[in-house]
Amino acid sequence: MLCSCIFSYNAPMQPLLTDAEYALLSPLIPGGGRPAPERRRTLDGIFHVVMSRCIWADMPARFGKPDAAQRQLRRWMRKGVLDTWLVAARSDAFASLRERICRAWRRVSRLACLGSVLLAKRLAEGVGMRAALPAAEYHLPDPALSESVKKLVLRHLDDPWRAPRGFFALAGKLLKQAGGDLRRWRVR
């Protein structure tokens, strides 16, 4: 079967988690559910898919079922586990895992709430964390800009006739820009 990977059909096999890397991640994984060896195998499968940029169906069988790995990654995103990983990835201890965590977060970023996207945007200023951003920074929401525009609009609403010509149209455009471009960042 041909692999539908983006770069080539012979995607290089990604290295498995080392014991030290798994020891770093295991406290950040919620308990319950599957036994630890199964969880580690699922993690290896997730990291293989996100690093090789293959589709889930092309995940090697030795990592388990692709649907189970994909569902697990989605669950972790909805529970905020990937946000915790993203924050932890800034530390030097997670340097070997940083790229994998960022790509895993980005892979399911369309499920992220606004707070998670803003967290990723704030953390992207760190070394090697830009891979987590689902789009260019100017396409992501900017709450600081929206607060500034809101203050200006409120000041001019007291006496709208004294506002400069075109002010409210410009404020509307700025507020639209502050909300980000959903079409750009709600993609894989």
N, C-alpha and C. Protein backbone atom coordinates (compact mmCIF):
# COMPACT_ATOMS: atom_id res chain seq x y z
N MET A 1 0.85 -1.18 0.00
CA MET A 1 0.00 0.00 0.00
C MET A 1 0.89 1.23 0.00
N LEU A 2 0.52 2.20 -0.81
CA LEU A 2 1.28 3.43 -0.86
C LEU A 2 0.92 4.32 0.31
N CYS A 3 1.91 4.93 0.89
CA CYS A 3 1.69 5.86 2.00
C CYS A 3 1.30 7.21 1.42
N SER A 4 0.31 7.85 2.00
CA SER A 4 -0.10 9.16 1.51
C SER A 4 0.57 10.27 2.29
N CYS A 5 1.82 10.12 2.56
CA CYS A 5 2.57 11.15 3.28
C CYS A 5 2.81 12.33 2.35
N ILE A 6 2.96 13.48 2.93
CA ILE A 6 3.12 14.70 2.16
C ILE A 6 4.46 14.72 1.42
N PHE A 7 5.52 14.34 2.10
CA PHE A 7 6.84 14.50 1.50
C PHE A 7 7.22 13.38 0.55
N SER A 8 6.99 12.16 0.94
CA SER A 8 7.33 11.05 0.06
C SER A 8 6.58 9.82 0.52
N TYR A 9 6.55 8.83 -0.33
CA TYR A 9 5.86 7.61 0.07
C TYR A 9 6.74 6.75 0.97
N ASN A 10 8.01 7.08 1.08
CA ASN A 10 8.92 6.39 1.99
C ASN A 10 9.24 7.27 3.18
N ALA A 11 8.24 7.57 3.96
CA ALA A 11 8.46 8.42 5.13
C ALA A 11 9.39 7.72 6.10
N PRO A 12 10.38 8.43 6.61
CA PRO A 12 11.29 7.80 7.55
C PRO A 12 10.57 7.42 8.83
N MET A 13 10.95 6.29 9.39
CA MET A 13 10.35 5.83 10.63
C MET A 13 10.81 6.74 11.75
N GLN A 14 9.88 7.24 12.52
CA GLN A 14 10.20 8.14 13.62
C GLN A 14 10.71 7.34 14.80
N PRO A 15 11.68 7.87 15.53
CA PRO A 15 12.20 7.14 16.69
C PRO A 15 11.13 7.00 17.77
N LEU A 16 11.13 5.87 18.44
CA LEU A 16 10.19 5.64 19.53
C LEU A 16 10.58 6.47 20.74
N LEU A 17 9.63 6.64 21.64
CA LEU A 17 9.93 7.35 22.89
C LEU A 17 10.97 6.57 23.69
N THR A 18 11.93 7.26 24.21
CA THR A 18 12.88 6.61 25.11
C THR A 18 12.24 6.48 26.48
N ASP A 19 12.86 5.69 27.34
CA ASP A 19 12.32 5.54 28.69
C ASP A 19 12.32 6.88 29.43
N ALA A 20 13.36 7.67 29.23
CA ALA A 20 13.44 8.97 29.90
C ALA A 20 12.34 9.92 29.40
N GLU A 21 12.10 9.91 28.08
CA GLU A 21 11.05 10.77 27.53
C GLU A 21 9.67 10.35 28.02
N TYR A 22 9.45 9.04 28.06
CA TYR A 22 8.15 8.56 28.55
C TYR A 22 7.99 8.87 30.04
N ALA A 23 9.08 8.81 30.79
CA ALA A 23 9.02 9.14 32.22
C ALA A 23 8.65 10.61 32.42
N LEU A 24 9.07 11.48 31.51
CA LEU A 24 8.69 12.89 31.58
C LEU A 24 7.21 13.10 31.26
N LEU A 25 6.72 12.38 30.26
CA LEU A 25 5.34 12.57 29.82
C LEU A 25 4.32 11.85 30.68
N SER A 26 4.66 10.71 31.23
CA SER A 26 3.67 9.88 31.93
C SER A 26 2.97 10.60 33.09
N PRO A 27 3.64 11.45 33.89
CA PRO A 27 2.88 12.15 34.93
C PRO A 27 1.87 13.16 34.37
N LEU A 28 2.06 13.57 33.12
CA LEU A 28 1.17 14.56 32.51
C LEU A 28 0.01 13.91 31.76
N ILE A 29 -0.05 12.58 31.79
CA ILE A 29 -1.14 11.86 31.13
C ILE A 29 -2.15 11.47 32.20
N PRO A 30 -3.43 11.79 31.99
CA PRO A 30 -4.42 11.43 33.00
C PRO A 30 -4.50 9.93 33.18
N GLY A 31 -4.73 9.50 34.41
CA GLY A 31 -4.82 8.08 34.72
C GLY A 31 -6.11 7.46 34.25
N GLY A 32 -6.23 6.18 34.51
CA GLY A 32 -7.43 5.45 34.10
C GLY A 32 -7.33 4.99 32.67
N GLY A 33 -8.30 4.21 32.26
CA GLY A 33 -8.32 3.75 30.88
C GLY A 33 -7.38 2.61 30.63
N ARG A 34 -6.64 2.71 29.59
CA ARG A 34 -5.76 1.62 29.15
C ARG A 34 -4.53 1.48 30.05
N PRO A 35 -3.97 0.27 30.07
CA PRO A 35 -2.74 0.09 30.85
C PRO A 35 -1.58 0.87 30.24
N ALA A 36 -0.55 1.12 31.05
CA ALA A 36 0.57 1.96 30.64
C ALA A 36 1.28 1.48 29.37
N PRO A 37 1.56 0.17 29.19
CA PRO A 37 2.23 -0.23 27.94
C PRO A 37 1.40 0.12 26.70
N GLU A 38 0.09 -0.03 26.81
CA GLU A 38 -0.78 0.32 25.69
C GLU A 38 -0.76 1.83 25.44
N ARG A 39 -0.71 2.61 26.51
CA ARG A 39 -0.66 4.07 26.40
C ARG A 39 0.63 4.50 25.72
N ARG A 40 1.72 3.84 26.08
CA ARG A 40 3.01 4.19 25.47
C ARG A 40 3.01 3.86 23.98
N ARG A 41 2.44 2.72 23.63
CA ARG A 41 2.36 2.33 22.23
C ARG A 41 1.51 3.33 21.45
N THR A 42 0.41 3.78 22.04
CA THR A 42 -0.44 4.77 21.40
C THR A 42 0.30 6.09 21.22
N LEU A 43 1.06 6.50 22.24
CA LEU A 43 1.86 7.72 22.14
C LEU A 43 2.87 7.61 21.01
N ASP A 44 3.53 6.47 20.91
CA ASP A 44 4.50 6.27 19.82
C ASP A 44 3.80 6.38 18.46
N GLY A 45 2.60 5.83 18.36
CA GLY A 45 1.85 5.92 17.10
C GLY A 45 1.45 7.35 16.78
N ILE A 46 0.99 8.08 17.79
CA ILE A 46 0.61 9.48 17.59
C ILE A 46 1.81 10.29 17.12
N PHE A 47 2.93 10.13 17.81
CA PHE A 47 4.12 10.89 17.45
C PHE A 47 4.65 10.48 16.08
N HIS A 48 4.49 9.21 15.71
CA HIS A 48 4.91 8.78 14.37
C HIS A 48 4.10 9.51 13.31
N VAL A 49 2.78 9.56 13.49
CA VAL A 49 1.90 10.19 12.50
C VAL A 49 2.17 11.69 12.41
N VAL A 50 2.28 12.37 13.54
CA VAL A 50 2.45 13.82 13.48
C VAL A 50 3.82 14.22 12.95
N MET A 51 4.83 13.41 13.20
CA MET A 51 6.17 13.77 12.71
C MET A 51 6.36 13.40 11.24
N SER A 52 5.76 12.32 10.79
CA SER A 52 5.93 11.91 9.40
C SER A 52 4.89 12.55 8.50
N ARG A 53 3.88 13.19 9.12
CA ARG A 53 2.81 13.89 8.40
C ARG A 53 2.00 12.95 7.51
N CYS A 54 1.91 11.71 7.91
CA CYS A 54 1.07 10.74 7.21
C CYS A 54 -0.37 10.90 7.67
N ILE A 55 -1.28 10.31 6.94
CA ILE A 55 -2.65 10.26 7.41
C ILE A 55 -2.74 9.14 8.44
N TRP A 56 -3.78 9.18 9.25
CA TRP A 56 -3.91 8.22 10.34
C TRP A 56 -3.98 6.78 9.83
N ALA A 57 -4.59 6.57 8.69
CA ALA A 57 -4.74 5.21 8.17
C ALA A 57 -3.39 4.57 7.84
N ASP A 58 -2.36 5.38 7.62
CA ASP A 58 -1.04 4.86 7.29
C ASP A 58 -0.17 4.60 8.52
N MET A 59 -0.74 4.72 9.70
CA MET A 59 0.03 4.43 10.91
C MET A 59 0.35 2.94 10.94
N PRO A 60 1.60 2.56 11.18
CA PRO A 60 1.96 1.14 11.20
C PRO A 60 1.14 0.37 12.24
N ALA A 61 0.83 -0.87 11.92
CA ALA A 61 -0.02 -1.71 12.77
C ALA A 61 0.61 -1.98 14.14
N ARG A 62 1.93 -1.90 14.24
CA ARG A 62 2.57 -2.19 15.53
C ARG A 62 2.25 -1.16 16.60
N PHE A 63 1.67 0.00 16.19
CA PHE A 63 1.27 1.02 17.15
C PHE A 63 -0.19 0.90 17.57
N GLY A 64 -0.87 -0.10 17.07
CA GLY A 64 -2.27 -0.27 17.41
C GLY A 64 -3.16 0.27 16.30
N LYS A 65 -4.43 0.45 16.64
CA LYS A 65 -5.40 0.92 15.65
C LYS A 65 -5.27 2.44 15.48
N PRO A 66 -5.24 2.88 14.23
CA PRO A 66 -5.12 4.33 13.98
C PRO A 66 -6.29 5.13 14.56
N ASP A 67 -7.49 4.57 14.47
CA ASP A 67 -8.66 5.28 15.00
C ASP A 67 -8.54 5.50 16.50
N ALA A 68 -8.01 4.51 17.21
CA ALA A 68 -7.87 4.63 18.66
C ALA A 68 -6.86 5.73 19.01
N ALA A 69 -5.76 5.79 18.26
CA ALA A 69 -4.74 6.82 18.51
C ALA A 69 -5.30 8.21 18.21
N GLN A 70 -6.03 8.32 17.12
CA GLN A 70 -6.61 9.62 16.76
C GLN A 70 -7.64 10.06 17.80
N ARG A 71 -8.49 9.14 18.24
CA ARG A 71 -9.48 9.47 19.27
C ARG A 71 -8.82 9.89 20.56
N GLN A 72 -7.73 9.20 20.94
CA GLN A 72 -7.02 9.53 22.17
C GLN A 72 -6.43 10.93 22.10
N LEU A 73 -5.84 11.27 20.97
CA LEU A 73 -5.27 12.61 20.80
C LEU A 73 -6.36 13.68 20.90
N ARG A 74 -7.51 13.42 20.31
CA ARG A 74 -8.63 14.36 20.40
C ARG A 74 -9.12 14.50 21.83
N ARG A 75 -9.23 13.38 22.55
CA ARG A 75 -9.65 13.43 23.95
C ARG A 75 -8.69 14.28 24.78
N TRP A 76 -7.41 14.08 24.56
CA TRP A 76 -6.42 14.83 25.32
C TRP A 76 -6.51 16.32 25.01
N MET A 77 -6.82 16.67 23.76
CA MET A 77 -6.97 18.09 23.42
C MET A 77 -8.18 18.68 24.14
N ARG A 78 -9.30 17.96 24.12
CA ARG A 78 -10.52 18.46 24.76
C ARG A 78 -10.37 18.57 26.27
N LYS A 79 -9.57 17.68 26.88
CA LYS A 79 -9.38 17.71 28.34
C LYS A 79 -8.31 18.71 28.76
N GLY A 80 -7.57 19.27 27.80
CA GLY A 80 -6.53 20.23 28.14
C GLY A 80 -5.18 19.60 28.41
N VAL A 81 -5.06 18.31 28.18
CA VAL A 81 -3.78 17.62 28.42
C VAL A 81 -2.71 18.16 27.48
N LEU A 82 -3.06 18.39 26.22
CA LEU A 82 -2.06 18.90 25.27
C LEU A 82 -1.62 20.31 25.61
N ASP A 83 -2.51 21.10 26.21
CA ASP A 83 -2.10 22.43 26.67
C ASP A 83 -1.06 22.30 27.78
N THR A 84 -1.27 21.34 28.67
CA THR A 84 -0.30 21.09 29.75
C THR A 84 1.04 20.67 29.16
N TRP A 85 1.00 19.81 28.15
CA TRP A 85 2.23 19.38 27.50
C TRP A 85 2.93 20.56 26.84
N LEU A 86 2.14 21.43 26.22
CA LEU A 86 2.71 22.59 25.53
C LEU A 86 3.43 23.51 26.52
N VAL A 87 2.84 23.72 27.68
CA VAL A 87 3.48 24.55 28.70
C VAL A 87 4.75 23.86 29.19
N ALA A 88 4.68 22.56 29.41
CA ALA A 88 5.85 21.81 29.89
C ALA A 88 6.96 21.78 28.85
N ALA A 89 6.60 21.82 27.58
CA ALA A 89 7.60 21.72 26.50
C ALA A 89 8.55 22.90 26.47
N ARG A 90 8.21 23.98 27.15
CA ARG A 90 9.12 25.14 27.18
C ARG A 90 10.37 24.86 28.01
N SER A 91 10.28 23.93 28.94
CA SER A 91 11.44 23.67 29.80
C SER A 91 12.51 22.89 29.04
N ASP A 92 13.73 23.01 29.51
CA ASP A 92 14.86 22.34 28.86
C ASP A 92 14.75 20.83 28.96
N ALA A 93 14.09 20.32 30.00
CA ALA A 93 13.95 18.87 30.17
C ALA A 93 13.17 18.25 29.02
N PHE A 94 12.27 19.02 28.42
CA PHE A 94 11.43 18.52 27.34
C PHE A 94 11.98 18.86 25.95
N ALA A 95 13.23 19.26 25.87
CA ALA A 95 13.80 19.69 24.59
C ALA A 95 13.68 18.61 23.52
N SER A 96 13.88 17.35 23.88
CA SER A 96 13.81 16.28 22.88
C SER A 96 12.37 15.99 22.45
N LEU A 97 11.41 16.39 23.25
CA LEU A 97 10.00 16.15 22.94
C LEU A 97 9.29 17.37 22.37
N ARG A 98 9.93 18.52 22.41
CA ARG A 98 9.29 19.78 22.07
C ARG A 98 8.64 19.76 20.68
N GLU A 99 9.38 19.34 19.68
CA GLU A 99 8.86 19.34 18.31
C GLU A 99 7.67 18.38 18.19
N ARG A 100 7.76 17.23 18.80
CA ARG A 100 6.66 16.26 18.71
C ARG A 100 5.40 16.79 19.39
N ILE A 101 5.56 17.40 20.56
CA ILE A 101 4.41 17.94 21.29
C ILE A 101 3.76 19.07 20.49
N CYS A 102 4.58 19.95 19.93
CA CYS A 102 4.05 21.07 19.14
C CYS A 102 3.28 20.57 17.92
N ARG A 103 3.81 19.59 17.25
CA ARG A 103 3.12 19.07 16.07
C ARG A 103 1.85 18.31 16.44
N ALA A 104 1.87 17.62 17.57
CA ALA A 104 0.66 16.93 18.02
C ALA A 104 -0.42 17.95 18.35
N TRP A 105 -0.04 19.04 19.02
CA TRP A 105 -1.01 20.09 19.35
C TRP A 105 -1.59 20.69 18.08
N ARG A 106 -0.71 20.94 17.12
CA ARG A 106 -1.17 21.56 15.87
C ARG A 106 -2.08 20.62 15.10
N ARG A 107 -1.80 19.33 15.18
CA ARG A 107 -2.59 18.34 14.43
C ARG A 107 -4.07 18.40 14.81
N VAL A 108 -4.36 18.68 16.08
CA VAL A 108 -5.75 18.74 16.54
C VAL A 108 -6.14 20.16 16.95
N SER A 109 -5.46 21.15 16.41
CA SER A 109 -5.71 22.54 16.82
C SER A 109 -7.11 23.01 16.47
N ARG A 110 -7.74 22.40 15.49
CA ARG A 110 -9.10 22.85 15.15
C ARG A 110 -10.10 22.52 16.25
N LEU A 111 -9.72 21.66 17.18
CA LEU A 111 -10.57 21.35 18.33
C LEU A 111 -10.30 22.27 19.51
N ALA A 112 -9.27 23.09 19.39
CA ALA A 112 -8.85 23.94 20.50
C ALA A 112 -9.83 25.08 20.72
N CYS A 113 -10.03 25.42 21.97
CA CYS A 113 -10.85 26.58 22.29
C CYS A 113 -9.97 27.83 22.13
N LEU A 114 -10.60 28.98 22.20
CA LEU A 114 -9.87 30.23 22.00
C LEU A 114 -8.75 30.40 23.03
N GLY A 115 -8.99 30.01 24.26
CA GLY A 115 -7.97 30.11 25.30
C GLY A 115 -6.74 29.29 24.97
N SER A 116 -6.94 28.10 24.42
CA SER A 116 -5.82 27.25 24.04
C SER A 116 -5.02 27.84 22.89
N VAL A 117 -5.73 28.43 21.93
CA VAL A 117 -5.04 29.06 20.80
C VAL A 117 -4.21 30.24 21.28
N LEU A 118 -4.78 31.03 22.19
CA LEU A 118 -4.03 32.17 22.73
C LEU A 118 -2.83 31.71 23.55
N LEU A 119 -2.99 30.60 24.27
CA LEU A 119 -1.87 30.03 25.01
C LEU A 119 -0.75 29.63 24.05
N ALA A 120 -1.11 28.94 22.97
CA ALA A 120 -0.10 28.54 21.98
C ALA A 120 0.58 29.75 21.36
N LYS A 121 -0.20 30.81 21.13
CA LYS A 121 0.38 32.03 20.55
C LYS A 121 1.36 32.67 21.51
N ARG A 122 1.01 32.70 22.81
CA ARG A 122 1.93 33.26 23.82
C ARG A 122 3.19 32.41 23.94
N LEU A 123 3.03 31.10 23.91
CA LEU A 123 4.18 30.21 24.06
C LEU A 123 5.05 30.16 22.82
N ALA A 124 4.50 30.56 21.67
CA ALA A 124 5.26 30.50 20.42
C ALA A 124 6.45 31.43 20.42
N GLU A 125 6.46 32.37 21.35
CA GLU A 125 7.60 33.28 21.43
C GLU A 125 8.86 32.55 21.91
N GLY A 126 8.66 31.38 22.51
CA GLY A 126 9.80 30.60 22.99
C GLY A 126 10.51 29.91 21.84
N VAL A 127 11.68 29.41 22.15
CA VAL A 127 12.50 28.74 21.15
C VAL A 127 11.84 27.44 20.70
N GLY A 128 11.67 27.27 19.41
CA GLY A 128 11.16 26.03 18.86
C GLY A 128 9.69 25.76 19.09
N MET A 129 8.92 26.75 19.51
CA MET A 129 7.51 26.51 19.81
C MET A 129 6.58 27.00 18.69
N ARG A 130 7.12 27.61 17.64
CA ARG A 130 6.27 28.10 16.56
C ARG A 130 5.58 26.97 15.81
N ALA A 131 6.10 25.77 15.91
CA ALA A 131 5.49 24.63 15.22
C ALA A 131 4.10 24.32 15.75
N ALA A 132 3.76 24.82 16.93
CA ALA A 132 2.44 24.56 17.50
C ALA A 132 1.38 25.47 16.91
N LEU A 133 1.77 26.60 16.35
CA LEU A 133 0.78 27.54 15.84
C LEU A 133 0.05 26.96 14.63
N PRO A 134 -1.28 27.03 14.64
CA PRO A 134 -2.04 26.50 13.51
C PRO A 134 -2.03 27.40 12.28
N ALA A 135 -1.50 28.62 12.40
CA ALA A 135 -1.43 29.55 11.28
C ALA A 135 -0.42 30.63 11.64
N ALA A 136 -0.19 31.52 10.71
CA ALA A 136 0.69 32.66 10.98
C ALA A 136 0.07 33.49 12.10
N GLU A 137 0.90 34.15 12.90
CA GLU A 137 0.42 34.87 14.07
C GLU A 137 -0.62 35.95 13.73
N TYR A 138 -0.48 36.58 12.59
CA TYR A 138 -1.43 37.66 12.26
C TYR A 138 -2.81 37.12 11.88
N HIS A 139 -2.95 35.81 11.69
CA HIS A 139 -4.26 35.21 11.45
C HIS A 139 -4.94 34.78 12.75
N LEU A 140 -4.21 34.77 13.83
CA LEU A 140 -4.76 34.33 15.11
C LEU A 140 -5.39 35.50 15.86
N PRO A 141 -6.32 35.23 16.76
CA PRO A 141 -6.97 36.31 17.51
C PRO A 141 -5.96 37.12 18.33
N ASP A 142 -6.27 38.40 18.50
CA ASP A 142 -5.42 39.30 19.27
C ASP A 142 -6.28 40.09 20.26
N PRO A 143 -6.47 39.56 21.48
CA PRO A 143 -7.34 40.23 22.44
C PRO A 143 -6.84 41.61 22.87
N ALA A 144 -5.54 41.83 22.86
CA ALA A 144 -5.01 43.14 23.25
C ALA A 144 -5.47 44.21 22.26
N LEU A 145 -5.47 43.88 20.98
CA LEU A 145 -5.93 44.83 19.96
C LEU A 145 -7.42 45.11 20.14
N SER A 146 -8.20 44.08 20.42
CA SER A 146 -9.64 44.29 20.57
C SER A 146 -9.94 45.17 21.78
N GLU A 147 -9.19 45.02 22.87
CA GLU A 147 -9.40 45.87 24.05
C GLU A 147 -9.04 47.32 23.76
N SER A 148 -7.96 47.54 23.02
CA SER A 148 -7.56 48.91 22.67
C SER A 148 -8.61 49.59 21.79
N VAL A 149 -9.10 48.86 20.80
CA VAL A 149 -10.11 49.41 19.91
C VAL A 149 -11.40 49.67 20.68
N LYS A 150 -11.74 48.77 21.57
CA LYS A 150 -12.96 48.94 22.38
C LYS A 150 -12.89 50.24 23.19
N LYS A 151 -11.75 50.51 23.81
CA LYS A 151 -11.59 51.75 24.59
C LYS A 151 -11.76 52.98 23.70
N LEU A 152 -11.18 52.95 22.49
CA LEU A 152 -11.31 54.09 21.58
C LEU A 152 -12.76 54.29 21.15
N VAL A 153 -13.43 53.20 20.83
CA VAL A 153 -14.83 53.30 20.40
C VAL A 153 -15.70 53.85 21.52
N LEU A 154 -15.51 53.36 22.73
CA LEU A 154 -16.30 53.84 23.87
C LEU A 154 -16.07 55.33 24.11
N ARG A 155 -14.85 55.78 23.91
CA ARG A 155 -14.55 57.20 24.10
C ARG A 155 -15.29 58.06 23.07
N HIS A 156 -15.39 57.56 21.83
CA HIS A 156 -16.04 58.33 20.77
C HIS A 156 -17.55 58.14 20.73
N LEU A 157 -18.08 57.16 21.44
CA LEU A 157 -19.53 56.96 21.46
C LEU A 157 -20.25 58.04 22.27
N ASP A 158 -19.53 58.68 23.19
CA ASP A 158 -20.16 59.76 23.96
C ASP A 158 -20.62 60.89 23.04
N ASP A 159 -19.82 61.20 22.07
CA ASP A 159 -20.17 62.25 21.11
C ASP A 159 -19.72 61.78 19.73
N PRO A 160 -20.54 60.94 19.06
CA PRO A 160 -20.11 60.35 17.79
C PRO A 160 -19.86 61.37 16.68
N TRP A 161 -20.45 62.57 16.78
CA TRP A 161 -20.26 63.57 15.74
C TRP A 161 -18.87 64.20 15.78
N ARG A 162 -18.19 64.04 16.88
CA ARG A 162 -16.83 64.61 16.98
C ARG A 162 -15.76 63.59 16.56
N ALA A 163 -16.18 62.37 16.32
CA ALA A 163 -15.22 61.34 15.89
C ALA A 163 -14.71 61.67 14.49
N PRO A 164 -13.46 61.39 14.21
CA PRO A 164 -12.93 61.65 12.87
C PRO A 164 -13.71 60.87 11.81
N ARG A 165 -13.75 61.43 10.65
CA ARG A 165 -14.48 60.80 9.54
C ARG A 165 -13.89 59.41 9.25
N GLY A 166 -14.75 58.41 9.17
CA GLY A 166 -14.31 57.04 8.88
C GLY A 166 -13.82 56.27 10.09
N PHE A 167 -13.90 56.90 11.27
CA PHE A 167 -13.36 56.25 12.47
C PHE A 167 -14.06 54.92 12.76
N PHE A 168 -15.38 54.90 12.72
CA PHE A 168 -16.11 53.69 13.09
C PHE A 168 -15.92 52.57 12.07
N ALA A 169 -15.76 52.93 10.81
CA ALA A 169 -15.48 51.91 9.78
C ALA A 169 -14.10 51.30 10.04
N LEU A 170 -13.14 52.16 10.35
CA LEU A 170 -11.80 51.67 10.66
C LEU A 170 -11.81 50.81 11.92
N ALA A 171 -12.55 51.24 12.94
CA ALA A 171 -12.64 50.46 14.18
C ALA A 171 -13.26 49.09 13.92
N GLY A 172 -14.25 49.04 13.04
CA GLY A 172 -14.86 47.76 12.68
C GLY A 172 -13.87 46.83 12.02
N LYS A 173 -13.04 47.38 11.12
CA LYS A 173 -12.03 46.57 10.45
C LYS A 173 -10.98 46.07 11.45
N LEU A 174 -10.59 46.94 12.37
CA LEU A 174 -9.61 46.54 13.39
C LEU A 174 -10.17 45.44 14.29
N LEU A 175 -11.45 45.56 14.66
CA LEU A 175 -12.06 44.53 15.50
C LEU A 175 -12.16 43.21 14.75
N LYS A 176 -12.43 43.28 13.46
CA LYS A 176 -12.47 42.05 12.65
C LYS A 176 -11.08 41.41 12.62
N GLN A 177 -10.05 42.22 12.46
CA GLN A 177 -8.69 41.71 12.45
C GLN A 177 -8.30 41.16 13.82
N ALA A 178 -8.79 41.78 14.89
CA ALA A 178 -8.47 41.31 16.24
C ALA A 178 -9.05 39.94 16.51
N GLY A 179 -10.13 39.60 15.84
CA GLY A 179 -10.74 38.29 16.00
C GLY A 179 -10.01 37.19 15.26
N GLY A 180 -9.08 37.56 14.42
CA GLY A 180 -8.33 36.56 13.66
C GLY A 180 -9.11 36.11 12.44
N ASP A 181 -8.50 35.31 11.64
CA ASP A 181 -9.12 34.78 10.43
C ASP A 181 -9.38 33.29 10.65
N LEU A 182 -10.61 32.97 11.01
CA LEU A 182 -10.95 31.58 11.34
C LEU A 182 -10.67 30.62 10.20
N ARG A 183 -10.84 31.08 8.97
CA ARG A 183 -10.59 30.19 7.84
C ARG A 183 -9.13 29.76 7.78
N ARG A 184 -8.24 30.59 8.29
CA ARG A 184 -6.81 30.28 8.22
C ARG A 184 -6.33 29.40 9.36
N TRP A 185 -6.87 29.59 10.56
CA TRP A 185 -6.30 28.84 11.68
C TRP A 185 -7.17 27.67 12.12
N ARG A 186 -8.32 27.50 11.57
CA ARG A 186 -9.12 26.33 11.92
C ARG A 186 -8.89 25.21 10.90
N VAL A 187 -7.68 25.06 10.49
CA VAL A 187 -7.32 24.00 9.55
C VAL A 187 -6.24 23.14 10.17
N ARG A 188 -5.99 22.03 9.58
CA ARG A 188 -4.99 21.09 10.08
C ARG A 188 -3.66 21.69 9.95
